[in-house]
Protein backbone atom coordinates (compact mmCIF):
# COMPACT_ATOMS: atom_id res chain seq x y z
CA MET A 1 0.00 0.00 0.00
CA ALA A 2 1.41 3.36 -0.99
CA ARG A 3 1.72 6.10 1.62
CA ARG A 4 -0.30 9.16 1.10
CA ARG A 5 1.52 12.44 1.00
CA ASP A 6 -0.83 14.23 3.40
CA ASP A 7 -0.51 11.35 5.90
CA SER A 8 3.21 12.02 6.38
CA LEU A 9 2.59 15.76 6.68
CA GLN A 10 -0.13 15.09 9.23
CA ASN A 11 2.24 12.88 11.24
CA LEU A 12 4.91 15.56 11.09
CA LEU A 13 2.55 18.23 12.41
CA ARG A 14 1.33 15.93 15.15
CA ALA A 15 4.91 15.22 16.21
CA ARG A 16 5.65 18.95 16.41
CA ARG A 17 2.67 19.53 18.69
CA GLU A 18 3.68 16.81 21.13
CA PRO A 19 5.42 18.09 24.25
CA LYS A 20 9.18 17.78 24.42
CA GLY A 21 10.65 15.30 26.85
CA LEU A 22 11.74 16.56 30.24
CA VAL A 23 15.41 17.19 30.91
CA SER A 24 17.02 14.83 33.37
CA VAL A 25 18.58 16.01 36.62
CA GLU A 26 22.03 15.05 35.34
CA GLU A 27 21.51 17.08 32.18
CA LEU A 28 20.40 20.09 34.26
CA ARG A 29 23.51 19.78 36.44
CA ARG A 30 25.74 19.51 33.39
CA ARG A 31 24.15 22.59 31.79
CA GLU A 32 24.43 24.61 35.00
CA ALA A 33 28.08 23.63 35.45
CA GLU A 34 28.84 24.64 31.86
CA ARG A 35 27.03 27.95 32.36
CA LEU A 36 29.09 28.66 35.50
CA ARG A 37 32.36 27.73 33.73
CA GLU A 38 31.48 30.06 30.87
CA ALA A 39 30.67 32.89 33.30
CA GLU A 40 34.02 32.35 35.06
CA ARG A 41 35.84 32.35 31.71
CA ASP A 42 34.11 35.59 30.71
CA ALA A 43 35.03 37.23 34.02
CA ALA A 44 38.65 36.05 33.72
CA ARG A 45 38.80 37.30 30.12
CA ALA A 46 37.45 40.71 31.16
CA GLU A 47 39.96 41.01 34.02
CA ALA A 48 42.83 39.92 31.75
CA THR A 49 41.77 42.49 29.17
CA ARG A 50 41.79 45.19 31.86
CA ILE A 51 45.27 44.12 33.05
CA ALA A 52 46.63 44.03 29.47
CA ALA A 53 45.27 47.52 28.80
CA ALA A 54 46.86 48.83 32.01
CA TRP A 55 50.14 47.20 31.04
CA ARG A 56 50.07 48.83 27.60
CA GLU A 57 49.37 52.26 29.12
CA GLU A 58 51.62 52.15 32.18
CA GLY A 59 54.23 49.53 31.27
CA THR A 60 53.56 47.49 34.41
CA ALA A 61 51.04 44.72 34.85
CA PRO A 62 48.86 44.73 37.97
CA VAL A 63 49.02 41.54 39.98
CA SER A 64 46.30 38.94 39.84
CA SER A 65 46.60 35.70 41.77
CA GLU A 66 43.87 33.86 39.86
CA PRO A 67 45.39 31.25 37.51
CA SER A 68 42.43 31.58 35.13
CA VAL A 69 43.04 35.33 34.78
CA LEU A 70 46.77 34.74 34.27
CA ARG A 71 46.07 32.13 31.57
CA GLU A 72 43.80 34.57 29.76
CA LEU A 73 46.42 37.32 30.15
CA PHE A 74 49.07 35.06 28.61
CA ALA A 75 46.75 34.34 25.67
CA LEU A 76 46.04 38.07 25.17
CA ALA A 77 49.51 39.51 25.75
CA PRO A 78 52.36 37.16 26.73
CA ALA A 79 54.66 40.13 27.37
CA ALA A 80 52.18 41.49 29.93
CA TYR A 81 52.16 38.10 31.65
CA PHE A 82 55.95 38.10 31.86
CA ALA A 83 55.85 41.66 33.27
CA THR A 84 53.78 40.63 36.31
CA ALA A 85 55.41 40.59 39.72
CA ARG A 86 54.18 37.02 40.20
CA TRP A 87 56.09 35.77 37.14
CA LYS A 88 59.21 37.63 38.25
CA ARG A 89 59.04 35.93 41.67
CA VAL A 90 58.51 32.50 40.12
CA ALA A 91 61.31 33.01 37.58
CA LYS A 92 63.70 34.17 40.30
CA ALA A 93 62.83 31.12 42.42
CA GLN A 94 63.49 28.88 39.39
CA ARG A 95 66.90 30.48 38.75
CA GLU A 96 67.80 30.06 42.42
CA LEU A 97 66.69 26.43 42.32
CA GLU A 98 68.69 25.72 39.14
CA PRO A 99 71.57 28.22 38.98
CA ARG A 100 72.94 26.68 35.75
CA CYS A 101 71.55 26.10 32.27
CA GLY A 102 69.46 22.93 32.21
CA VAL A 103 71.12 21.65 29.03
CA ALA A 104 73.55 18.91 30.08
CA ARG A 105 76.37 19.90 27.70
CA CYS A 106 76.06 23.65 28.37
CA GLY A 107 75.96 24.39 32.10
CA SER A 108 76.27 28.15 31.54
CA THR A 109 75.69 30.48 34.49
CA SER A 110 75.22 33.72 32.54
CA ARG A 111 72.12 35.21 30.91
CA LEU A 112 69.82 32.64 32.53
CA ARG A 113 66.06 32.72 32.16
CA ALA A 114 63.21 30.60 33.41
CA GLN A 115 61.20 28.92 30.69
CA HIS A 116 57.98 26.91 30.73
CA VAL A 117 58.22 23.21 30.11
CA THR A 118 54.45 23.09 29.67
CA HIS A 119 51.71 25.70 29.53
CA ARG A 120 49.11 23.44 31.15
CA THR A 121 49.89 24.92 34.57
CA LEU A 122 50.11 28.50 33.36
CA GLY A 123 49.33 30.88 36.20
CA ALA A 124 50.14 28.26 38.85
CA GLU A 125 53.66 27.23 37.80
CA GLN A 126 55.97 25.73 40.34
CA PRO A 127 59.74 26.08 40.05
CA GLY A 128 61.49 22.80 39.33
CA ARG A 129 58.30 21.11 38.17
CA ASP A 130 56.83 23.32 35.45
CA LEU A 131 59.85 25.48 34.64
CA VAL A 132 63.40 24.94 33.49
CA THR A 133 66.39 27.28 33.59
CA LEU A 134 68.06 27.93 30.22
CA CYS A 135 70.72 30.34 29.03
CA ALA A 136 69.75 32.67 26.18
CA ARG A 137 71.65 30.58 23.60
CA CYS A 138 70.01 27.30 24.58
CA ALA A 139 66.59 29.00 24.85
CA ARG A 140 66.87 30.06 21.18
CA ARG A 141 67.82 26.50 20.21
CA ALA A 142 64.94 25.07 22.22
CA ALA A 143 62.48 27.50 20.61
CA ALA A 144 63.72 26.65 17.10
CA ARG A 145 63.57 22.92 17.78
CA GLY A 146 60.10 23.27 19.32
CA ARG A 147 58.83 25.16 16.25
CA ALA A 148 60.27 22.48 13.99
CA ARG A 149 58.49 19.75 15.97
CA GLY A 150 55.29 21.75 16.39
CA ARG A 151 55.29 21.37 20.17
CA PRO A 152 57.36 22.47 23.16
CA LEU A 153 60.30 20.26 24.05
CA THR A 154 60.06 18.00 27.08
CA ARG A 155 62.44 18.36 30.00
CA ASP A 156 64.47 15.36 28.78
CA GLU A 157 64.68 16.74 25.23
CA LEU A 158 65.86 20.08 26.64
CA ARG A 159 68.51 18.34 28.73
CA LEU A 160 69.85 16.56 25.63
CA LEU A 161 70.09 19.64 23.38
CA ASP A 162 73.45 20.16 21.70
CA PRO A 163 74.55 23.75 22.46
CA ASP A 164 77.19 23.64 19.71
CA ALA A 165 74.88 22.45 16.93
CA PRO A 166 73.99 25.04 14.30
CA LEU A 167 70.81 26.88 15.12
CA PHE A 168 69.36 26.33 11.63
CA ASP A 169 69.78 23.53 9.12
CA ARG A 170 72.37 24.57 6.50
CA ALA A 171 70.54 22.66 3.74
CA ALA A 172 67.30 24.51 4.51
CA ILE A 173 69.10 27.87 4.39
CA ALA A 174 70.74 26.96 1.05
CA ALA A 175 67.35 25.88 -0.37
CA LEU A 176 65.80 29.20 0.68
CA ARG A 177 68.63 31.19 -0.87
CA GLU A 178 68.30 29.25 -4.10
CA ARG A 179 64.54 29.70 -4.15
CA TYR A 180 64.70 33.45 -3.66
CA GLY A 181 67.60 34.03 -6.03
CA ARG A 182 70.45 34.82 -3.68
CA PRO A 183 73.72 33.10 -4.44
CA PRO A 184 75.09 31.06 -1.55
CA GLU A 185 77.73 32.86 0.48
CA PRO A 186 81.28 31.56 0.06
CA ARG A 187 82.57 29.51 2.96
CA ALA A 188 85.47 30.95 4.86
């Protein structure tokens, strides 16, 4: 038996008129928790925006102890995050904890800086756990290697960096020069 066209339309209209099912208690809790998380994110974003604006105008970043605000500040303006008094205290504690470069073959004690191993704990970093001490030279190498891999280097990968290796691949530099029409420089 063939279905009539108006029968399916009638069923569709009837289905639209039927009341929707009630939401379960678990679903209500999940929705409320998501709404609260979103409100907290919005508040943190607004506070981070205010701090970033103050930093741009005055050159100093007001202190906030909330990790969520600090994470948002880092996303908006990393330089403002690194200008906070909290980051300066944490970086100083890291340099005191590890007074040498964390690269095994380097061990330099000059131009040291604290660097994140991971950004998961941003705003609540702990020296020795979430940070590593690197000299400026090794920090550049770590950043270049991290960009090449598409992720930050782990603590073990940082420890095994070769401080004497060239910063950039010579073959890649030669390929770029050839592509853009510059003759390779003569070797000395």
